[in-house]
Protein backbone atom coordinates (compact mmCIF):
# COMPACT_ATOMS: atom_id res chain seq x y z
CA MET A 1 120.84 121.87 60.44
CA GLY A 2 120.03 118.30 61.48
CA GLU A 3 121.00 118.97 65.11
CA ALA A 4 118.87 122.12 65.21
CA HIS A 5 115.94 120.24 63.69
CA ALA A 6 116.23 117.52 66.37
CA PHE A 7 116.31 120.19 69.07
CA TYR A 8 113.09 121.76 67.73
CA GLU A 9 111.42 118.34 67.62
CA PHE A 10 112.35 117.61 71.22
CA ALA A 11 111.11 121.03 72.28
CA MET A 12 107.70 120.36 70.70
CA VAL A 13 107.50 116.84 72.15
CA LEU A 14 108.34 118.01 75.67
CA ALA A 15 105.88 120.91 75.42
CA LEU A 16 103.11 118.57 74.26
CA ALA A 17 103.96 116.03 76.99
CA SER A 18 103.78 118.78 79.62
CA ALA A 19 100.45 120.04 78.28
CA LEU A 20 98.92 116.57 78.24
CA GLY A 21 100.42 115.97 81.69
CA LEU A 22 98.56 119.04 83.01
CA ILE A 23 95.32 117.73 81.51
CA GLY A 24 96.03 114.36 83.12
CA LEU A 25 96.64 116.08 86.45
CA PHE A 26 93.26 117.78 86.17
CA LEU A 27 91.67 114.38 85.42
CA LYS A 28 93.68 112.75 88.28
CA GLN A 29 95.48 110.45 85.85
CA PRO A 30 99.07 109.12 86.14
CA LEU A 31 101.62 110.62 83.77
CA VAL A 32 102.13 107.32 81.95
CA VAL A 33 98.75 107.79 80.22
CA ALA A 34 99.68 111.31 79.10
CA PHE A 35 103.09 110.19 77.86
CA ILE A 36 101.75 107.32 75.75
CA ALA A 37 99.12 109.69 74.34
CA THR A 38 101.96 112.09 73.49
CA GLY A 39 103.72 109.34 71.54
CA ILE A 40 100.55 108.52 69.60
CA ILE A 41 99.98 112.21 68.71
CA VAL A 42 103.57 112.91 67.59
CA GLY A 43 103.79 109.53 65.84
CA PRO A 44 103.38 108.81 62.12
CA ASP A 45 99.62 108.13 62.31
CA VAL A 46 98.76 111.63 63.60
CA LEU A 47 101.17 114.60 63.41
CA ASN A 48 104.37 112.76 62.42
CA LEU A 49 106.49 115.33 64.27
CA VAL A 50 109.48 113.12 65.15
CA THR A 51 112.01 112.28 62.48
CA GLU A 52 114.95 111.72 64.86
CA ALA A 53 113.59 108.46 66.26
CA GLU A 54 117.09 107.16 67.07
CA ALA A 55 117.54 109.82 69.77
CA VAL A 56 114.21 108.88 71.34
CA ASP A 57 115.22 105.20 71.25
CA LEU A 58 118.51 105.96 73.00
CA LEU A 59 116.87 107.97 75.81
CA ALA A 60 114.21 105.26 76.15
CA GLU A 61 116.91 102.61 76.66
CA ILE A 62 118.64 104.75 79.28
CA GLY A 63 115.27 105.20 81.00
CA ILE A 64 114.69 101.44 81.14
CA ALA A 65 118.20 100.93 82.54
CA ALA A 66 117.50 103.56 85.24
CA LEU A 67 114.14 101.97 86.11
CA LEU A 68 115.58 98.47 86.43
CA PHE A 69 118.55 99.87 88.35
CA LEU A 70 116.12 101.23 90.98
CA VAL A 71 114.30 97.89 91.10
CA GLY A 72 117.59 96.09 91.73
CA LEU A 73 118.59 98.73 94.26
CA LYS A 74 115.60 97.79 96.43
CA LEU A 75 116.19 94.03 96.27
CA ASP A 76 117.64 93.54 99.72
CA VAL A 77 118.50 89.84 100.18
CA HIS A 78 116.58 89.87 103.48
CA ILE A 79 113.46 91.47 102.01
CA VAL A 80 111.34 88.30 101.92
CA ARG A 81 111.79 87.80 105.67
CA LYS A 82 110.26 91.21 106.30
CA LEU A 83 107.12 90.45 104.31
CA GLY A 84 104.07 89.23 106.17
CA ALA A 85 102.41 85.95 105.28
CA VAL A 86 99.41 87.76 103.79
CA SER A 87 101.64 89.78 101.41
CA VAL A 88 103.45 86.68 100.18
CA ALA A 89 100.27 84.59 99.87
CA THR A 90 98.30 87.37 98.17
CA GLY A 91 101.14 88.35 95.86
CA LEU A 92 101.89 84.80 94.71
CA GLY A 93 98.19 83.91 94.52
CA GLN A 94 97.35 86.93 92.38
CA VAL A 95 100.33 86.38 90.06
CA THR A 96 99.47 82.70 89.57
CA PHE A 97 95.75 83.33 89.06
CA THR A 98 96.27 86.18 86.59
CA ALA A 99 98.97 84.37 84.60
CA VAL A 100 97.00 81.12 84.26
CA PHE A 101 93.59 82.58 83.46
CA GLY A 102 95.08 85.38 81.35
CA PHE A 103 96.86 82.71 79.28
CA LEU A 104 93.61 80.75 78.85
CA ILE A 105 91.66 83.87 77.86
CA CYS A 106 94.31 84.74 75.26
CA LEU A 107 94.03 81.24 73.78
CA MET A 108 90.25 81.62 73.59
CA LEU A 109 90.74 84.95 71.80
CA GLY A 110 92.68 83.10 69.10
CA LEU A 111 96.22 84.17 70.01
CA ASP A 112 99.08 81.71 69.53
CA LEU A 113 100.68 79.79 72.40
CA VAL A 114 103.82 81.90 72.91
CA THR A 115 101.99 85.23 72.64
CA SER A 116 99.38 83.97 75.13
CA ILE A 117 102.13 83.06 77.60
CA TYR A 118 103.75 86.48 77.26
CA ILE A 119 100.48 88.40 77.66
CA GLY A 120 99.36 86.18 80.57
CA VAL A 121 102.58 86.99 82.44
CA ALA A 122 102.48 90.68 81.46
CA LEU A 123 98.99 91.05 82.97
CA THR A 124 100.24 89.97 86.41
CA PHE A 125 102.34 93.09 87.10
CA SER A 126 100.81 96.13 88.83
CA SER A 127 102.38 99.58 88.88
CA THR A 128 104.17 100.21 92.18
CA ILE A 129 104.82 103.83 91.21
CA ILE A 130 101.15 104.59 90.54
CA ILE A 131 99.76 102.69 93.54
CA VAL A 132 102.16 104.18 96.11
CA LYS A 133 101.50 107.68 94.71
CA LEU A 134 97.71 107.27 94.98
CA LEU A 135 97.88 105.71 98.46
CA SER A 136 100.14 108.58 99.57
CA ASP A 137 97.69 111.15 98.18
CA LYS A 138 94.92 109.46 100.19
CA ARG A 139 97.22 109.15 103.25
CA GLU A 140 96.61 105.38 103.34
CA VAL A 141 100.19 104.11 103.01
CA ASP A 142 100.29 103.28 106.73
CA SER A 143 96.81 101.76 106.84
CA LEU A 144 96.39 98.00 107.09
CA HIS A 145 95.29 97.60 103.47
CA GLY A 146 98.02 100.01 102.35
CA ARG A 147 100.75 97.99 104.06
CA ILE A 148 99.37 94.73 102.64
CA ALA A 149 99.18 96.23 99.13
CA ILE A 150 102.76 97.47 99.25
CA GLY A 151 103.83 94.06 100.56
CA PHE A 152 102.38 92.14 97.63
CA LEU A 153 103.73 94.76 95.22
CA ILE A 154 107.18 93.81 96.51
CA VAL A 155 106.37 90.19 95.74
CA GLN A 156 105.37 91.27 92.22
CA ASP A 157 108.68 93.12 91.83
CA ILE A 158 110.54 89.94 92.72
CA VAL A 159 108.48 88.06 90.12
CA VAL A 160 109.33 90.79 87.57
CA VAL A 161 113.03 90.27 88.25
CA LEU A 162 112.74 86.48 87.92
CA ALA A 163 110.73 86.83 84.69
CA MET A 164 113.30 89.14 83.13
CA ILE A 165 116.20 86.96 84.22
CA THR A 166 114.39 83.98 82.66
CA LEU A 167 113.88 85.90 79.42
CA SER A 168 117.52 86.97 79.37
CA THR A 169 118.57 83.34 79.85
CA ILE A 170 116.24 82.15 77.10
CA GLY A 171 117.53 84.90 74.84
CA VAL A 172 121.20 84.01 75.21
CA GLY A 173 122.62 83.86 71.73
CA VAL A 174 119.33 84.82 70.02
CA GLY A 175 120.36 88.38 69.26
CA GLY A 176 124.02 87.50 68.92
CA SER A 177 126.87 88.58 71.15
CA GLN A 178 128.74 91.78 70.31
CA ALA A 179 131.78 90.08 71.83
CA GLY A 180 131.49 87.24 69.28
CA LEU A 181 130.77 84.59 71.93
CA GLY A 182 128.68 81.49 71.41
CA ILE A 183 126.00 80.36 73.82
CA GLY A 184 128.53 78.62 76.06
CA GLY A 185 130.79 81.66 76.00
CA VAL A 186 127.90 83.98 76.88
CA LEU A 187 126.92 81.84 79.86
CA GLY A 188 130.53 81.57 81.02
CA ALA A 189 131.12 85.31 80.68
CA GLY A 190 127.83 85.96 82.48
CA LEU A 191 128.81 83.78 85.43
CA LEU A 192 132.22 85.47 85.57
CA PHE A 193 130.59 88.90 85.56
CA VAL A 194 128.20 87.90 88.35
CA GLY A 195 131.20 86.65 90.35
CA VAL A 196 132.96 90.00 89.89
CA VAL A 197 129.79 91.79 91.04
CA ALA A 198 129.66 89.57 94.16
CA LEU A 199 133.25 90.51 95.01
CA PHE A 200 132.43 94.16 94.40
CA ILE A 201 129.48 93.95 96.80
CA ARG A 202 131.62 92.24 99.46
CA TYR A 203 134.72 94.44 99.38
CA VAL A 204 134.26 97.61 97.32
CA ALA A 205 130.64 98.85 97.27
CA GLU A 206 130.41 100.42 100.75
CA PRO A 207 133.84 102.16 100.76
CA LEU A 208 133.28 103.47 97.23
CA MET A 209 129.83 104.85 98.01
CA SER A 210 131.02 106.44 101.25
CA ARG A 211 133.52 108.48 99.22
CA ILE A 212 131.03 109.42 96.50
CA ALA A 213 128.45 110.41 99.12
CA ARG A 214 130.78 113.16 100.32
CA MET A 215 129.71 115.00 97.17
CA PRO A 216 125.92 114.39 97.04
CA GLU A 217 125.52 116.09 93.64
CA LEU A 218 127.71 113.32 92.16
CA LEU A 219 125.30 110.57 93.25
CA VAL A 220 122.86 110.96 90.33
CA THR A 221 125.61 111.12 87.71
CA PHE A 222 127.31 108.06 89.20
CA ALA A 223 124.04 106.12 89.47
CA ILE A 224 123.08 106.75 85.82
CA ALA A 225 126.61 105.97 84.67
CA TRP A 226 126.68 102.77 86.75
CA ALA A 227 123.33 101.58 85.38
CA VAL A 228 124.23 102.33 81.75
CA LEU A 229 127.71 100.79 82.13
CA PHE A 230 126.30 97.51 83.46
CA ALA A 231 123.61 97.53 80.77
CA ALA A 232 126.26 98.05 78.09
CA ILE A 233 128.51 95.28 79.46
CA CYS A 234 125.67 92.75 79.67
CA ASP A 235 124.46 93.71 76.19
CA TRP A 236 128.00 93.33 74.81
CA ILE A 237 128.30 89.90 76.42
CA GLY A 238 124.91 88.88 75.05
CA LEU A 239 122.77 88.90 78.23
CA GLY A 240 120.72 91.99 77.40
CA LYS A 241 120.57 95.56 78.72
CA GLU A 242 117.70 94.80 81.11
CA LEU A 243 119.67 92.27 83.13
CA GLY A 244 122.58 94.70 83.27
CA GLY A 245 120.41 97.43 84.78
CA LEU A 246 119.11 95.01 87.43
CA LEU A 247 122.63 93.82 88.33
CA ALA A 248 123.80 97.43 88.65
CA GLY A 249 121.11 98.08 91.25
CA VAL A 250 121.74 94.81 93.09
CA SER A 251 125.46 95.65 93.32
CA LEU A 252 124.60 98.72 95.46
CA ALA A 253 121.54 97.35 97.27
CA THR A 254 123.45 96.37 100.43
CA THR A 255 125.12 99.76 100.90
CA SER A 256 123.89 102.26 103.45
CA TYR A 257 123.44 104.86 100.71
CA ARG A 258 120.83 103.07 98.60
CA GLU A 259 117.92 105.17 99.90
CA ALA A 260 119.78 108.39 99.13
CA ILE A 261 120.54 107.15 95.61
CA ALA A 262 116.94 106.05 95.04
CA SER A 263 115.45 109.35 96.22
CA ARG A 264 117.80 111.44 94.06
CA LEU A 265 117.43 109.26 90.97
CA SER A 266 113.62 108.92 90.96
CA SER A 267 112.98 112.26 89.20
CA MET A 268 115.60 111.51 86.55
CA ARG A 269 114.05 108.07 86.04
CA ASP A 270 110.61 109.62 85.49
CA PHE A 271 112.03 112.04 82.93
CA LEU A 272 113.87 109.33 80.99
CA LEU A 273 110.87 106.96 81.08
CA LEU A 274 108.94 109.73 79.32
CA PHE A 275 110.85 108.80 76.17
CA PHE A 276 110.14 105.08 76.61
CA PHE A 277 106.40 105.73 76.73
CA ILE A 278 106.59 108.24 73.87
CA ASN A 279 108.56 105.72 71.82
CA LEU A 280 105.92 103.11 72.65
CA GLY A 281 103.09 105.41 71.59
CA MET A 282 104.89 106.32 68.35
CA GLY A 283 105.05 102.65 67.42
CA LEU A 284 101.31 102.07 67.79
CA SER A 285 99.23 101.83 64.64
CA LEU A 286 95.78 103.33 65.16
CA SER A 287 94.26 101.06 62.52
CA ALA A 288 95.75 97.99 64.22
CA LEU A 289 94.52 99.19 67.61
CA SER A 290 90.95 99.40 66.35
CA ASP A 291 91.16 95.77 65.27
CA GLN A 292 92.48 94.80 68.73
CA LEU A 293 89.82 96.72 70.64
CA PRO A 294 87.53 93.70 71.37
CA ALA A 295 90.42 91.64 72.76
CA ALA A 296 91.64 94.65 74.76
CA VAL A 297 88.19 95.11 76.32
CA VAL A 298 88.04 91.45 77.39
CA LEU A 299 91.53 91.48 78.90
CA SER A 300 90.93 94.86 80.57
CA LEU A 301 87.77 93.59 82.26
CA PHE A 302 89.70 90.54 83.43
CA VAL A 303 92.36 92.75 85.06
CA LEU A 304 89.88 95.29 86.46
CA ILE A 305 87.58 92.65 87.99
CA GLY A 306 89.55 89.40 88.25
CA ASN A 307 92.63 90.76 90.04
CA PRO A 308 90.67 92.45 92.87
CA LEU A 309 88.45 89.36 93.27
CA ILE A 310 91.38 86.96 93.75
CA VAL A 311 92.97 89.35 96.28
CA MET A 312 89.65 89.59 98.16
CA ALA A 313 89.25 85.80 98.14
CA ILE A 314 92.77 85.13 99.48
CA MET A 315 92.53 87.81 102.17
CA GLY A 316 89.07 86.65 103.22
CA TYR A 317 90.30 83.07 103.52
CA MET A 318 93.23 84.28 105.66
CA GLY A 319 90.86 86.00 108.10
CA TYR A 320 90.65 89.62 106.94
CA ARG A 321 87.45 91.60 106.70
CA LYS A 322 85.82 92.11 103.31
CA ARG A 323 86.38 95.85 103.52
CA THR A 324 90.13 95.43 103.88
CA GLY A 325 90.07 92.96 100.99
CA VAL A 326 88.27 95.43 98.72
CA LEU A 327 90.54 98.37 99.57
CA ALA A 328 93.67 96.25 98.98
CA GLY A 329 92.22 94.47 95.95
CA VAL A 330 91.45 97.57 93.87
CA THR A 331 95.15 98.52 93.96
CA VAL A 332 96.02 95.66 91.57
CA ALA A 333 93.35 96.47 88.98
CA GLN A 334 95.87 97.66 86.39
CA ILE A 335 99.02 96.57 84.58
CA SER A 336 102.33 98.39 84.87
CA GLU A 337 105.25 99.82 82.97
CA PHE A 338 107.01 96.50 83.56
CA SER A 339 104.30 94.76 81.53
CA LEU A 340 105.25 96.92 78.55
CA ILE A 341 108.99 96.41 79.08
CA PHE A 342 108.42 92.65 79.36
CA MET A 343 106.55 92.62 76.04
CA ALA A 344 109.24 94.77 74.41
CA MET A 345 111.84 92.21 75.50
CA GLY A 346 109.73 89.53 73.80
CA VAL A 347 109.80 91.52 70.55
CA THR A 348 113.58 91.92 70.80
CA LEU A 349 113.96 88.15 71.21
CA GLY A 350 111.65 87.51 68.28
CA HIS A 351 109.10 85.64 70.41
CA VAL A 352 106.17 88.01 69.82
CA PHE A 353 105.23 90.65 67.25
CA ASP A 354 104.59 94.38 67.62
CA ALA A 355 100.85 93.73 67.51
CA ALA A 356 101.08 91.96 70.89
CA VAL A 357 102.84 94.99 72.38
CA GLY A 358 100.08 97.20 70.97
CA LEU A 359 97.41 95.00 72.56
CA VAL A 360 99.06 95.09 75.99
CA THR A 361 99.62 98.85 75.67
CA LEU A 362 95.90 99.33 74.95
CA VAL A 363 95.05 97.20 77.99
CA GLY A 364 97.46 99.33 80.00
CA LEU A 365 95.79 102.58 78.92
CA VAL A 366 92.34 101.26 79.82
CA THR A 367 93.24 99.65 83.16
CA ILE A 368 95.53 102.43 84.41
CA THR A 369 92.92 105.07 83.57
CA LEU A 370 90.00 103.27 85.23
CA SER A 371 91.89 101.77 88.19
CA THR A 372 93.09 105.24 89.18
CA TYR A 373 89.49 106.21 89.90
CA MET A 374 88.86 102.83 91.54
CA ILE A 375 91.67 103.50 94.02
CA LEU A 376 90.70 107.13 94.62
CA TYR A 377 87.06 106.24 95.28
CA SER A 378 87.61 102.82 96.86
CA GLN A 379 85.57 103.73 99.95
CA THR A 380 82.59 104.65 97.77
CA ILE A 381 82.96 101.48 95.69
CA TYR A 382 82.96 99.41 98.87
CA GLY A 383 79.70 101.05 99.93
CA TRP A 384 78.13 100.07 96.60
CA ILE A 385 79.18 96.43 96.59
CA GLU A 386 79.20 95.67 100.35
CA PRO A 387 75.83 93.84 100.41
CA TRP A 388 76.99 91.33 97.76
CA ILE A 389 80.49 90.41 98.91
CA SER A 390 79.90 88.71 102.27
CA VAL A 391 81.27 85.51 100.74
CA PHE A 392 84.72 87.11 100.94
CA GLU A 393 84.63 87.36 104.75
CA ARG A 394 84.80 84.62 107.34
CA ALA A 395 82.30 84.48 110.18
CA ASN A 396 85.21 85.38 112.45
CA PRO A 397 87.76 87.62 110.68
CA HIS A 398 90.40 86.87 113.31
CA ARG A 399 93.20 88.80 111.57
CA GLU A 400 91.42 92.03 112.42
CA ASP A 401 90.52 91.30 116.01
CA HIS A 402 89.37 94.60 117.45
CA SER A 403 89.68 93.38 121.05
CA GLU A 404 86.17 92.90 122.39
CA SER A 405 87.43 93.59 125.94
CA SER A 406 88.38 97.10 124.88
CA LYS A 407 85.05 97.62 123.14
CA SER A 408 83.00 96.52 126.13
CA ALA A 409 84.90 98.66 128.65
CA SER A 410 83.96 102.20 129.63
CA TYR A 411 86.17 105.17 128.70
CA ASP A 412 86.12 108.90 129.32
CA ILE A 413 87.83 109.71 126.01
CA ILE A 414 88.08 107.92 122.67
CA LEU A 415 91.12 109.26 120.84
CA PHE A 416 91.55 108.76 117.08
CA GLY A 417 95.12 109.23 115.85
CA LEU A 418 98.12 107.79 117.73
CA GLY A 419 100.81 109.85 116.04
CA ARG A 420 103.12 112.21 117.90
CA TYR A 421 100.43 114.78 118.63
CA GLY A 422 97.79 112.23 119.63
CA THR A 423 100.24 110.35 121.86
CA GLN A 424 101.34 113.51 123.70
CA LEU A 425 97.73 114.61 124.09
CA SER A 426 96.77 111.23 125.55
CA ARG A 427 99.55 111.47 128.13
CA VAL A 428 98.19 114.79 129.35
CA MET A 429 94.69 113.32 129.62
CA HIS A 430 95.93 110.12 131.25
CA ASP A 431 97.92 112.09 133.85
CA ALA A 432 94.78 114.08 134.59
CA GLY A 433 93.00 110.85 135.51
CA ALA A 434 91.02 110.19 132.33
CA LYS A 435 90.53 106.71 130.88
CA VAL A 436 91.61 106.94 127.23
CA LEU A 437 90.97 104.42 124.44
CA GLY A 438 93.39 104.95 121.55
CA VAL A 439 92.37 104.16 117.96
CA ASP A 440 94.45 104.28 114.77
CA PHE A 441 94.37 102.82 111.24
CA ASP A 442 98.10 102.05 111.39
CA PRO A 443 98.50 98.56 112.94
CA GLU A 444 102.09 99.31 114.00
CA ALA A 445 101.02 102.48 115.84
CA VAL A 446 98.35 100.48 117.70
CA ALA A 447 100.88 97.76 118.57
CA ALA A 448 103.31 100.36 119.97
CA TRP A 449 100.46 101.91 121.97
CA ARG A 450 99.49 98.56 123.47
CA ARG A 451 103.10 97.76 124.37
CA ASN A 452 102.90 100.72 126.75
CA GLY A 453 100.03 98.99 128.55
CA LEU A 454 97.34 101.25 127.11
CA PRO A 455 94.02 100.05 125.62
CA GLY A 456 94.01 100.47 121.85
CA LEU A 457 92.10 99.36 118.76
CA TYR A 458 92.97 99.14 115.09
CA GLY A 459 90.25 100.81 113.05
CA ASP A 460 89.47 103.11 110.14
CA ALA A 461 87.56 106.31 110.82
CA ALA A 462 85.76 105.97 107.50
CA ASP A 463 84.41 102.49 108.33
CA PRO A 464 80.82 102.86 109.69
CA GLU A 465 80.78 99.26 110.94
CA PHE A 466 83.81 99.89 113.11
CA VAL A 467 82.51 103.18 114.54
CA ILE A 468 79.20 101.56 115.51
CA GLY A 469 81.06 98.98 117.58
CA LEU A 470 83.02 101.52 119.66
CA PRO A 471 82.15 102.03 123.37
CA LEU A 472 80.62 105.45 122.71
CA ALA A 473 77.71 105.37 125.18
CA ARG A 474 79.60 106.55 128.27
CA ALA A 475 82.42 108.49 126.62
CA ARG A 476 82.49 112.20 127.40
CA TRP A 477 84.83 113.21 124.58
CA LEU A 478 85.63 111.98 121.08
CA ILE A 479 88.99 113.49 120.14
CA ILE A 480 90.04 113.29 116.48
CA ALA A 481 93.79 114.00 116.44
CA THR A 482 94.48 112.75 112.92
CA PRO A 483 96.13 115.33 110.64
CA HIS A 484 94.27 116.72 107.66
CA ILE A 485 96.43 118.75 105.27
CA GLY A 486 94.40 120.35 102.50
CA PRO A 487 91.47 118.79 100.64
CA SER A 488 91.61 115.05 100.03
CA VAL A 489 91.71 113.67 96.51
CA THR A 490 88.17 112.38 96.92
CA HIS A 491 86.90 115.65 98.49
CA GLU A 492 85.90 113.67 101.60
CA ASP A 493 87.08 114.74 105.03
CA ALA A 494 87.61 111.65 107.20
CA ARG A 495 87.31 113.80 110.35
CA LEU A 496 83.78 114.90 109.45
CA ILE A 497 82.83 111.38 108.39
CA LEU A 498 83.93 110.04 111.78
CA MET A 499 82.02 112.72 113.71
CA GLU A 500 78.89 112.07 111.66
CA GLU A 501 79.09 108.28 112.07
CA ALA A 502 79.67 108.63 115.82
CA ARG A 503 76.56 110.80 116.15
CA LYS A 504 74.58 108.24 114.15
CA ALA A 505 75.84 105.51 116.49
CA GLY A 506 74.38 107.34 119.50
CA PHE A 507 77.36 109.34 120.79
CA THR A 508 76.05 112.27 122.87
CA GLY A 509 79.34 113.61 124.22
CA ARG A 510 81.50 116.42 122.92
CA VAL A 511 83.80 116.30 119.88
CA ALA A 512 87.27 117.84 119.63
CA ILE A 513 88.96 117.83 116.21
CA ARG A 514 92.51 118.69 115.20
CA GLY A 515 92.40 121.61 112.75
CA HIS A 516 94.83 123.67 110.73
CA GLY A 517 94.35 127.43 110.56
CA ALA A 518 91.41 129.80 110.87
CA GLU A 519 89.61 128.66 107.71
CA ASP A 520 89.73 125.00 108.72
CA LYS A 521 88.61 125.89 112.24
CA ALA A 522 85.59 127.81 110.94
CA MET A 523 84.60 124.89 108.71
CA LEU A 524 84.87 122.36 111.58
CA GLU A 525 82.90 124.51 113.98
CA LYS A 526 80.19 125.00 111.36
CA ALA A 527 80.08 121.21 110.88
CA GLY A 528 79.38 120.73 114.61
CA ALA A 529 82.74 120.34 116.34
CA ASP A 530 82.61 121.46 119.99
CA LEU A 531 86.32 122.21 120.15
CA VAL A 532 88.98 122.69 117.45
CA LEU A 533 92.55 121.86 118.43
CA ASP A 534 95.32 123.68 116.57
CA PRO A 535 98.64 122.10 117.64
CA PHE A 536 100.83 124.99 116.50
CA ALA A 537 98.65 127.82 117.76
CA ASP A 538 97.88 126.06 121.05
CA ALA A 539 101.57 125.28 121.61
CA ALA A 540 102.50 128.91 120.92
CA VAL A 541 99.93 130.18 123.44
CA ARG A 542 101.09 127.67 126.05
CA ALA A 543 104.73 128.54 125.42
CA GLY A 544 103.90 132.22 125.85
CA GLU A 545 102.25 131.50 129.18
CA ILE A 546 105.26 129.49 130.36
CA VAL A 547 107.76 132.14 129.24
CA GLY A 548 105.75 134.89 130.95
CA PHE A 549 105.64 132.86 134.18
CA CYS A 550 109.37 132.26 133.99
CA ARG A 551 110.08 135.99 133.68
CA GLU A 552 107.99 136.70 136.79
CA GLU A 553 109.92 134.03 138.72
CA VAL A 554 113.24 135.50 137.57
CA ARG A 555 112.19 138.95 138.78
CA GLN A 556 111.40 137.39 142.17
CA GLY A 557 114.74 135.58 142.23
CA GLY A 558 113.15 132.14 141.85
CA ASP A 559 113.70 129.27 139.43
CA ILE A 560 111.35 127.13 137.39
CA LYS A 561 111.73 123.87 135.55
CA GLY A 562 109.63 122.29 132.83
CA ASP A 563 108.37 119.68 135.31
CA ASP A 564 106.84 122.42 137.45
CA VAL A 565 104.24 123.19 134.79
CA LYS A 566 101.12 121.22 135.59
CA ALA A 567 99.06 119.41 132.98
CA PRO A 568 95.67 120.98 132.33
CA GLU A 569 92.59 119.36 133.76
CA VAL A 570 90.35 117.25 131.56
CA PRO A 571 87.48 119.51 130.42
CA ALA A 572 84.09 118.47 131.68
């Protein structure tokens, strides 16, 4: 009967988590908020639905092992070389600033020294999962601020790893070794295990994974088993499960199959982490949380305001525009799941009490909830605060040089969007004799464009200051070739914003916009677009014309090649 009772409990917990997740989806909130809320509701202070807490604990530990396995899996030894100077400087600057001032604020709030150190460090971590998801929803992953944000998130991940390794080292012998080893024995066994892992990486990892990859459905099972096995070994030695999960990921990080493993394991990780957050919520005392509310408000304001400000200050000093600093800065206005895991490790080691975990969890709920809206509506926030943040921009923001020579020249066409469609379209126009200026918000796309000897600018269509500075006076066409798939999360269409700002800046030419389907075309034409380009429909019509011409040639005994089809003339 006990097993059946546990099954019913899990059914109710999963149903409630799904229901709260749907509400969170409607409110545009990450699932972590819904999952912690689920734990609070099913916990002893509200419904007290869960009596089989041991099962939840076990799944939570497996979830942590899977999460840290994925972190280790992405720790390529050459990763620091690939990071730009701004990512390293911003990441380290933000971590240092938040840790130091967070520690001082905790001391002023009356917390003891060790707890203040733990909370100060915990406040430095931002949620990579949440930030990448929101940037992807806004299609800003490839933007300049998106690339910078992801770069300093990688720096934060490295700091997370170092912090957890430090904690594991400090905790050697504190919880005892299941193998019966003393401190010296634990350190010796740990070094031996690391040596075995190094040999595995050098001689075994790639051949083993190449065999397992022949059966892709085995990858997830192997990855979970590998993470849990390493966690169990390190826990048995006395190094802790967290370090084991990290080492498991590192042991496979150099293989050519790490991306396949990561992509297949991410959904399983999210499911298992559900139980970590539920377990965390179940352990929160509502009465204790009410007592911690003033401290949580102070620390939340520090994270929501202080973290973006330090990012803006560092980026401004390095020569970036204030707008880029704001858009990158708001991404770090929250703490992450690693903050909670870090605090849980402190409880395990006996360094901090459960009340400290509750305080950080409350800060997490507040900052994750509010920062989600800050990221989604970052463009609007910038518009509000722009008049008061000039101090965060140099007189000459040289890192975002928009090439004044390109701006002062005269062009027939200004083309926004240098992806595959925009690039092919520009070639047709260029071959027809038009002078085309290419613009994109992806700095790498602009660099590739310029390497082909073509004039190009980095710029964001939603930035009015940039649009005003474009050479619009003599341009005949403004072509917006950027894709727009469905409504944006902020209900703003960057294509329409760009057309409106160009008209405000004095552009009197014609506007062509890339659309998708009849409904989108009708909306764009109603908004004032002179021409709507539909890549799939236009290509189908053109292909039909070519095929029909080919058939006529065949009937006449002739032959035709793709090169014989002439590019269309530039419309007047």
